[in-house]
N, C-alpha and C. Protein backbone atom coordinates (compact mmCIF):
# COMPACT_ATOMS: atom_id res chain seq x y z
N MET A 1 -24.24 -43.76 18.37
CA MET A 1 -22.97 -43.33 18.91
C MET A 1 -22.36 -44.40 19.80
N GLN A 2 -23.18 -45.15 20.50
CA GLN A 2 -22.64 -46.14 21.41
C GLN A 2 -21.89 -47.24 20.66
N ARG A 3 -22.25 -47.49 19.44
CA ARG A 3 -21.55 -48.52 18.68
C ARG A 3 -20.30 -48.00 17.99
N ARG A 4 -20.35 -46.76 17.53
CA ARG A 4 -19.22 -46.22 16.77
C ARG A 4 -18.24 -45.43 17.62
N GLY A 5 -18.67 -44.91 18.75
CA GLY A 5 -17.82 -44.04 19.55
C GLY A 5 -16.81 -44.80 20.39
N ARG A 6 -15.83 -44.06 20.87
CA ARG A 6 -14.84 -44.62 21.80
C ARG A 6 -15.41 -44.59 23.20
N ARG A 7 -15.13 -45.61 23.98
CA ARG A 7 -15.66 -45.72 25.33
C ARG A 7 -14.50 -45.73 26.32
N VAL A 8 -14.63 -44.89 27.35
CA VAL A 8 -13.63 -44.83 28.41
C VAL A 8 -14.37 -44.97 29.74
N SER A 9 -13.94 -45.91 30.55
CA SER A 9 -14.56 -46.11 31.86
C SER A 9 -13.67 -45.50 32.93
N ALA A 10 -14.30 -44.85 33.87
CA ALA A 10 -13.61 -44.27 35.01
C ALA A 10 -14.38 -44.67 36.27
N ARG A 11 -13.93 -44.23 37.40
CA ARG A 11 -14.56 -44.64 38.66
C ARG A 11 -15.99 -44.13 38.80
N TYR A 12 -16.24 -42.89 38.41
CA TYR A 12 -17.54 -42.27 38.63
C TYR A 12 -18.41 -42.15 37.37
N VAL A 13 -17.81 -42.31 36.20
CA VAL A 13 -18.56 -42.18 34.94
C VAL A 13 -17.99 -43.12 33.88
N THR A 14 -18.82 -43.39 32.90
CA THR A 14 -18.37 -43.99 31.66
C THR A 14 -18.62 -42.94 30.59
N ILE A 15 -17.62 -42.70 29.77
CA ILE A 15 -17.74 -41.66 28.75
C ILE A 15 -17.63 -42.29 27.37
N ILE A 16 -18.56 -41.93 26.52
CA ILE A 16 -18.55 -42.37 25.12
C ILE A 16 -18.40 -41.11 24.28
N GLY A 17 -17.49 -41.14 23.33
CA GLY A 17 -17.29 -39.95 22.52
C GLY A 17 -16.89 -40.28 21.10
N GLN A 18 -17.19 -39.37 20.23
CA GLN A 18 -16.74 -39.47 18.85
C GLN A 18 -16.56 -38.07 18.30
N PRO A 19 -15.63 -37.90 17.39
CA PRO A 19 -15.40 -36.57 16.82
C PRO A 19 -16.64 -36.07 16.08
N ASN A 20 -16.82 -34.75 16.09
CA ASN A 20 -17.92 -34.16 15.33
C ASN A 20 -17.36 -33.10 14.39
N GLU A 21 -18.20 -32.59 13.54
CA GLU A 21 -17.78 -31.60 12.56
C GLU A 21 -18.18 -30.17 12.96
N ARG A 22 -18.56 -30.00 14.19
CA ARG A 22 -18.96 -28.67 14.67
C ARG A 22 -17.75 -27.90 15.19
N ALA A 23 -18.00 -26.72 15.69
CA ALA A 23 -16.90 -25.89 16.18
C ALA A 23 -16.60 -26.11 17.66
N CYS A 24 -17.43 -26.90 18.34
CA CYS A 24 -17.22 -27.10 19.78
C CYS A 24 -17.71 -28.48 20.20
N ASP A 25 -17.39 -28.84 21.44
CA ASP A 25 -17.85 -30.10 22.01
C ASP A 25 -19.34 -30.01 22.34
N ARG A 26 -19.99 -31.17 22.35
CA ARG A 26 -21.39 -31.26 22.79
C ARG A 26 -21.48 -32.34 23.85
N LEU A 27 -22.43 -32.17 24.76
CA LEU A 27 -22.56 -33.08 25.90
C LEU A 27 -23.96 -33.67 25.99
N GLY A 28 -24.00 -34.96 26.31
CA GLY A 28 -25.23 -35.65 26.67
C GLY A 28 -24.96 -36.38 27.97
N ILE A 29 -25.95 -36.45 28.85
CA ILE A 29 -25.77 -37.10 30.15
C ILE A 29 -26.86 -38.14 30.35
N ILE A 30 -26.45 -39.30 30.85
CA ILE A 30 -27.39 -40.35 31.21
C ILE A 30 -27.22 -40.64 32.69
N ALA A 31 -28.32 -40.52 33.42
CA ALA A 31 -28.33 -40.87 34.85
C ALA A 31 -29.56 -41.75 35.08
N SER A 32 -29.35 -43.04 35.16
CA SER A 32 -30.47 -43.97 35.27
C SER A 32 -31.03 -44.00 36.69
N ARG A 33 -32.14 -44.66 36.84
CA ARG A 33 -32.77 -44.75 38.15
C ARG A 33 -31.95 -45.58 39.14
N LYS A 34 -30.98 -46.30 38.66
CA LYS A 34 -30.09 -47.05 39.55
C LYS A 34 -29.32 -46.12 40.48
N ILE A 35 -29.14 -44.89 40.06
CA ILE A 35 -28.39 -43.91 40.86
C ILE A 35 -29.18 -43.48 42.08
N GLY A 36 -30.47 -43.37 41.95
CA GLY A 36 -31.30 -42.96 43.09
C GLY A 36 -32.53 -42.20 42.64
N SER A 37 -33.04 -41.39 43.57
CA SER A 37 -34.25 -40.62 43.31
C SER A 37 -34.00 -39.54 42.26
N ALA A 38 -35.06 -38.88 41.85
CA ALA A 38 -34.94 -37.81 40.85
C ALA A 38 -34.01 -36.70 41.35
N VAL A 39 -34.10 -36.39 42.62
CA VAL A 39 -33.25 -35.35 43.20
C VAL A 39 -31.78 -35.75 43.08
N THR A 40 -31.49 -37.00 43.40
CA THR A 40 -30.12 -37.50 43.33
C THR A 40 -29.61 -37.53 41.90
N ARG A 41 -30.44 -37.98 40.98
CA ARG A 41 -30.04 -38.02 39.57
C ARG A 41 -29.78 -36.62 39.03
N ASN A 42 -30.63 -35.67 39.38
CA ASN A 42 -30.43 -34.30 38.92
C ASN A 42 -29.18 -33.70 39.49
N ARG A 43 -28.85 -34.01 40.74
CA ARG A 43 -27.61 -33.52 41.34
C ARG A 43 -26.40 -34.07 40.59
N ALA A 44 -26.44 -35.35 40.26
CA ALA A 44 -25.34 -35.97 39.51
C ALA A 44 -25.19 -35.30 38.15
N LYS A 45 -26.31 -35.04 37.48
CA LYS A 45 -26.26 -34.40 36.16
C LYS A 45 -25.74 -32.98 36.25
N ARG A 46 -26.15 -32.24 37.29
CA ARG A 46 -25.64 -30.87 37.47
C ARG A 46 -24.13 -30.88 37.67
N ARG A 47 -23.64 -31.83 38.45
CA ARG A 47 -22.20 -31.91 38.70
C ARG A 47 -21.45 -32.18 37.39
N LEU A 48 -21.93 -33.13 36.61
CA LEU A 48 -21.27 -33.46 35.35
C LEU A 48 -21.33 -32.30 34.36
N ARG A 49 -22.46 -31.61 34.31
CA ARG A 49 -22.59 -30.44 33.44
C ARG A 49 -21.58 -29.36 33.82
N GLU A 50 -21.42 -29.11 35.11
CA GLU A 50 -20.48 -28.09 35.58
C GLU A 50 -19.04 -28.48 35.26
N ILE A 51 -18.70 -29.74 35.45
CA ILE A 51 -17.34 -30.20 35.13
C ILE A 51 -17.08 -30.02 33.64
N PHE A 52 -18.03 -30.37 32.81
CA PHE A 52 -17.89 -30.21 31.37
C PHE A 52 -17.74 -28.74 31.00
N ARG A 53 -18.56 -27.88 31.63
CA ARG A 53 -18.49 -26.45 31.34
C ARG A 53 -17.12 -25.89 31.69
N ARG A 54 -16.55 -26.34 32.81
CA ARG A 54 -15.23 -25.86 33.22
C ARG A 54 -14.11 -26.37 32.33
N SER A 55 -14.37 -27.43 31.57
CA SER A 55 -13.34 -27.95 30.66
C SER A 55 -13.27 -27.12 29.37
N ASP A 56 -14.07 -26.08 29.28
CA ASP A 56 -14.07 -25.13 28.16
C ASP A 56 -14.39 -25.81 26.83
N PRO A 57 -15.64 -26.26 26.66
CA PRO A 57 -16.02 -26.99 25.45
C PRO A 57 -16.00 -26.14 24.18
N ASP A 58 -15.91 -24.83 24.28
CA ASP A 58 -15.90 -23.97 23.09
C ASP A 58 -14.49 -23.80 22.53
N ARG A 59 -13.50 -24.30 23.22
CA ARG A 59 -12.11 -24.09 22.86
C ARG A 59 -11.54 -25.01 21.78
N PRO A 60 -12.07 -26.17 21.47
CA PRO A 60 -11.36 -27.14 20.65
C PRO A 60 -10.73 -26.64 19.36
N ARG A 61 -11.48 -25.98 18.52
CA ARG A 61 -10.93 -25.56 17.23
C ARG A 61 -9.79 -24.57 17.40
N GLU A 62 -9.89 -23.70 18.41
CA GLU A 62 -8.86 -22.70 18.63
C GLU A 62 -7.54 -23.32 19.08
N SER A 63 -7.63 -24.37 19.90
CA SER A 63 -6.42 -24.97 20.46
C SER A 63 -5.87 -26.10 19.60
N GLY A 64 -6.53 -26.39 18.49
CA GLY A 64 -6.05 -27.42 17.61
C GLY A 64 -6.58 -28.81 17.94
N ARG A 65 -7.34 -28.95 19.01
CA ARG A 65 -7.89 -30.27 19.31
C ARG A 65 -9.23 -30.42 18.60
N ARG A 66 -9.56 -31.61 18.29
CA ARG A 66 -10.79 -31.90 17.53
C ARG A 66 -12.00 -31.91 18.45
N PRO A 67 -13.10 -31.29 18.04
CA PRO A 67 -14.31 -31.29 18.87
C PRO A 67 -14.96 -32.68 18.92
N PHE A 68 -15.59 -32.98 20.05
CA PHE A 68 -16.19 -34.28 20.27
C PHE A 68 -17.65 -34.14 20.68
N ASP A 69 -18.44 -35.16 20.34
CA ASP A 69 -19.74 -35.36 20.95
C ASP A 69 -19.48 -36.31 22.11
N VAL A 70 -19.87 -35.92 23.29
CA VAL A 70 -19.56 -36.69 24.50
C VAL A 70 -20.85 -37.07 25.21
N VAL A 71 -20.96 -38.35 25.59
CA VAL A 71 -22.07 -38.81 26.41
C VAL A 71 -21.46 -39.34 27.70
N MET A 72 -21.88 -38.78 28.83
CA MET A 72 -21.40 -39.23 30.14
C MET A 72 -22.50 -40.04 30.80
N ILE A 73 -22.15 -41.25 31.21
CA ILE A 73 -23.08 -42.11 31.91
C ILE A 73 -22.64 -42.17 33.37
N ALA A 74 -23.46 -41.59 34.24
CA ALA A 74 -23.11 -41.51 35.66
C ALA A 74 -23.20 -42.88 36.31
N ARG A 75 -22.29 -43.13 37.23
CA ARG A 75 -22.31 -44.37 38.02
C ARG A 75 -22.81 -44.06 39.42
N ARG A 76 -23.23 -45.07 40.09
CA ARG A 76 -23.81 -44.92 41.43
C ARG A 76 -22.84 -44.24 42.42
N GLU A 77 -21.55 -44.47 42.27
CA GLU A 77 -20.55 -43.93 43.20
C GLU A 77 -20.45 -42.41 43.16
N ILE A 78 -20.97 -41.78 42.10
CA ILE A 78 -20.86 -40.33 41.94
C ILE A 78 -21.65 -39.58 43.02
N VAL A 79 -22.65 -40.23 43.58
CA VAL A 79 -23.55 -39.58 44.53
C VAL A 79 -22.82 -39.12 45.79
N ASP A 80 -21.97 -39.96 46.35
CA ASP A 80 -21.31 -39.66 47.61
C ASP A 80 -19.90 -39.10 47.45
N ALA A 81 -19.42 -39.01 46.23
CA ALA A 81 -18.04 -38.58 46.00
C ALA A 81 -17.91 -37.06 46.11
N PRO A 82 -16.76 -36.59 46.61
CA PRO A 82 -16.51 -35.14 46.61
C PRO A 82 -16.37 -34.60 45.18
N PHE A 83 -16.79 -33.38 44.99
CA PHE A 83 -16.77 -32.77 43.65
C PHE A 83 -15.38 -32.80 43.04
N ALA A 84 -14.36 -32.51 43.84
CA ALA A 84 -12.98 -32.47 43.32
C ALA A 84 -12.55 -33.84 42.79
N ALA A 85 -12.95 -34.90 43.47
CA ALA A 85 -12.59 -36.25 43.01
C ALA A 85 -13.30 -36.58 41.71
N VAL A 86 -14.56 -36.20 41.61
CA VAL A 86 -15.32 -36.46 40.39
C VAL A 86 -14.71 -35.67 39.23
N ARG A 87 -14.36 -34.42 39.49
CA ARG A 87 -13.78 -33.58 38.44
C ARG A 87 -12.46 -34.17 37.94
N GLU A 88 -11.62 -34.59 38.85
CA GLU A 88 -10.33 -35.18 38.47
C GLU A 88 -10.55 -36.45 37.64
N ASP A 89 -11.50 -37.26 38.06
CA ASP A 89 -11.82 -38.50 37.37
C ASP A 89 -12.34 -38.23 35.95
N VAL A 90 -13.27 -37.30 35.83
CA VAL A 90 -13.84 -36.97 34.52
C VAL A 90 -12.80 -36.32 33.62
N ASP A 91 -12.00 -35.41 34.15
CA ASP A 91 -10.96 -34.77 33.34
C ASP A 91 -9.97 -35.80 32.79
N GLY A 92 -9.59 -36.75 33.64
CA GLY A 92 -8.69 -37.82 33.19
C GLY A 92 -9.30 -38.68 32.10
N ALA A 93 -10.57 -39.00 32.27
CA ALA A 93 -11.27 -39.81 31.26
C ALA A 93 -11.41 -39.05 29.95
N LEU A 94 -11.69 -37.75 30.01
CA LEU A 94 -11.79 -36.95 28.78
C LEU A 94 -10.45 -36.87 28.06
N ARG A 95 -9.35 -36.72 28.82
CA ARG A 95 -8.02 -36.72 28.21
C ARG A 95 -7.75 -38.05 27.51
N LYS A 96 -8.10 -39.13 28.19
CA LYS A 96 -7.90 -40.47 27.62
C LYS A 96 -8.74 -40.66 26.36
N LEU A 97 -9.96 -40.16 26.39
CA LEU A 97 -10.86 -40.26 25.24
C LEU A 97 -10.28 -39.53 24.03
N ARG A 98 -9.70 -38.38 24.26
CA ARG A 98 -9.15 -37.58 23.18
C ARG A 98 -7.80 -38.10 22.69
N GLY A 99 -7.27 -39.11 23.35
CA GLY A 99 -6.02 -39.68 22.90
C GLY A 99 -4.82 -39.27 23.71
N GLY A 100 -5.02 -38.42 24.72
CA GLY A 100 -3.92 -38.04 25.60
C GLY A 100 -3.70 -39.08 26.66
N LYS A 101 -2.74 -38.83 27.53
CA LYS A 101 -2.45 -39.80 28.60
C LYS A 101 -2.74 -39.26 29.96
């Protein structure tokens, strides 16, 4: 997927995505040890999972948008950032990935 997918970089994450043939979006998360301890990495992953869940991944086929396989790679800055800032950043990157502005 990393070779064939589209890549969008944002302040707190890098997102790689490609269309899939399923009925909904799918998510994968990468949080390397560069981010911090296991506790810190798990917190970053929980935040990204919640943001993805709130973006309503089951909706694509109903709304006419194409479902994607999405891999989010957390960056070190995500640890200290407020949740609202991370959510805004990820939502913008997902829109850009899907072809919106």
